[in-house]
């Protein structure tokens, strides 16, 4: 007598594949809808123009950071001086 086991192949459930496809469509629609920003509205500009919203709020900190960077790199960066890389000018 032949005692071999018969292997069964699972056929994907049609409901599960439909749910997966629907979920992927919803996720894709949400991602594409999230990119539909029309820009800044006129009534929002006053909030975005405040000093707190600036990326570089403090001019002194910016100047110090630029001085340290250009002193280390030895580049002028559009200025009339250049450091030698040792931190002195």
Protein backbone atom coordinates (compact mmCIF):
# COMPACT_ATOMS: atom_id res chain seq x y z
CA UNK A 1 0.00 0.00 0.00
CA UNK A 2 1.17 3.52 -0.73
CA UNK A 3 1.46 5.63 2.48
CA UNK A 4 2.57 8.92 0.98
CA UNK A 5 1.14 12.10 2.42
CA UNK A 6 -0.70 14.29 0.02
CA UNK A 7 0.40 17.90 0.12
CA UNK A 8 -2.35 20.43 -0.12
CA UNK A 9 -1.92 23.77 -1.77
CA UNK A 10 -3.70 26.64 -0.09
CA UNK A 11 -5.65 28.78 -2.46
CA UNK A 12 -5.71 32.41 -1.30
CA UNK A 13 -8.98 33.51 0.17
CA UNK A 14 -10.77 35.86 -2.19
CA UNK A 15 -12.09 37.94 0.71
CA UNK A 16 -8.62 38.41 2.15
CA UNK A 17 -7.15 39.48 -1.18
CA UNK A 18 -10.04 41.91 -1.70
CA UNK A 19 -9.47 43.41 1.76
CA UNK A 20 -5.75 43.73 1.11
CA UNK A 21 -6.37 45.45 -2.22
CA UNK A 22 -8.92 47.80 -0.63
CA UNK A 23 -6.52 48.65 2.20
CA UNK A 24 -3.72 49.39 -0.28
CA UNK A 25 -6.06 51.63 -2.29
CA UNK A 26 -7.08 53.56 0.83
CA UNK A 27 -3.46 53.99 1.96
CA UNK A 28 -2.42 55.16 -1.50
CA UNK A 29 -5.30 57.63 -1.66
CA UNK A 30 -4.40 59.04 1.77
CA UNK A 31 -0.75 59.43 0.81
CA UNK A 32 -1.59 61.18 -2.45
CA UNK A 33 -4.14 63.38 -0.70
CA UNK A 34 -1.53 64.42 1.87
CA UNK A 35 0.57 65.96 -0.90
CA UNK A 36 -2.22 68.24 -2.05
CA UNK A 37 -1.15 71.31 -0.08
CA UNK A 38 -1.95 74.47 -1.98
CA UNK A 39 0.54 76.63 -0.13
CA UNK A 40 0.20 79.33 2.47
CA UNK A 41 -3.12 81.11 2.57
CA UNK A 42 -3.18 84.91 3.00
CA UNK A 43 -4.63 84.68 6.52
CA UNK A 44 -1.83 82.31 7.58
CA UNK A 45 1.04 84.56 6.56
CA UNK A 46 0.92 86.74 9.66
CA UNK A 47 1.54 83.70 11.87
CA UNK A 48 4.40 82.44 9.72
CA UNK A 49 6.06 85.87 9.61
CA UNK A 50 6.61 86.00 13.38
CA UNK A 51 10.15 85.92 14.77
CA UNK A 52 9.48 82.62 16.54
CA UNK A 53 8.90 80.91 13.20
CA UNK A 54 12.30 81.85 11.75
CA UNK A 55 14.75 78.99 11.27
CA UNK A 56 17.64 81.17 12.45
CA UNK A 57 16.11 83.39 15.08
CA UNK A 58 19.19 84.87 16.74
CA UNK A 59 21.65 86.84 14.59
CA UNK A 60 24.41 86.64 17.23
CA UNK A 61 24.25 82.84 17.28
CA UNK A 62 24.37 82.75 13.49
CA UNK A 63 27.43 85.01 13.46
CA UNK A 64 29.24 82.90 16.05
CA UNK A 65 28.44 79.67 14.23
CA UNK A 66 29.68 81.11 10.92
CA UNK A 67 32.86 82.40 12.56
CA UNK A 68 33.63 79.01 14.10
CA UNK A 69 32.86 77.18 10.86
CA UNK A 70 34.94 79.44 8.64
CA UNK A 71 37.80 79.45 11.15
CA UNK A 72 37.90 75.67 11.17
CA UNK A 73 37.55 75.28 7.43
CA UNK A 74 39.89 78.08 6.44
CA UNK A 75 37.46 79.43 3.87
CA UNK A 76 36.28 82.96 3.37
CA UNK A 77 32.64 82.25 2.56
CA UNK A 78 32.21 85.52 0.69
CA UNK A 79 33.93 87.60 3.35
CA UNK A 80 37.17 89.51 3.15
CA UNK A 81 39.11 87.25 5.51
CA UNK A 82 39.98 83.60 5.80
CA UNK A 83 41.23 81.63 8.73
CA UNK A 84 44.21 79.35 8.54
CA UNK A 85 42.42 76.36 10.04
CA UNK A 86 43.97 76.92 13.46
CA UNK A 87 41.19 79.25 14.65
CA UNK A 88 43.18 82.47 14.25
CA UNK A 89 42.64 85.09 11.57
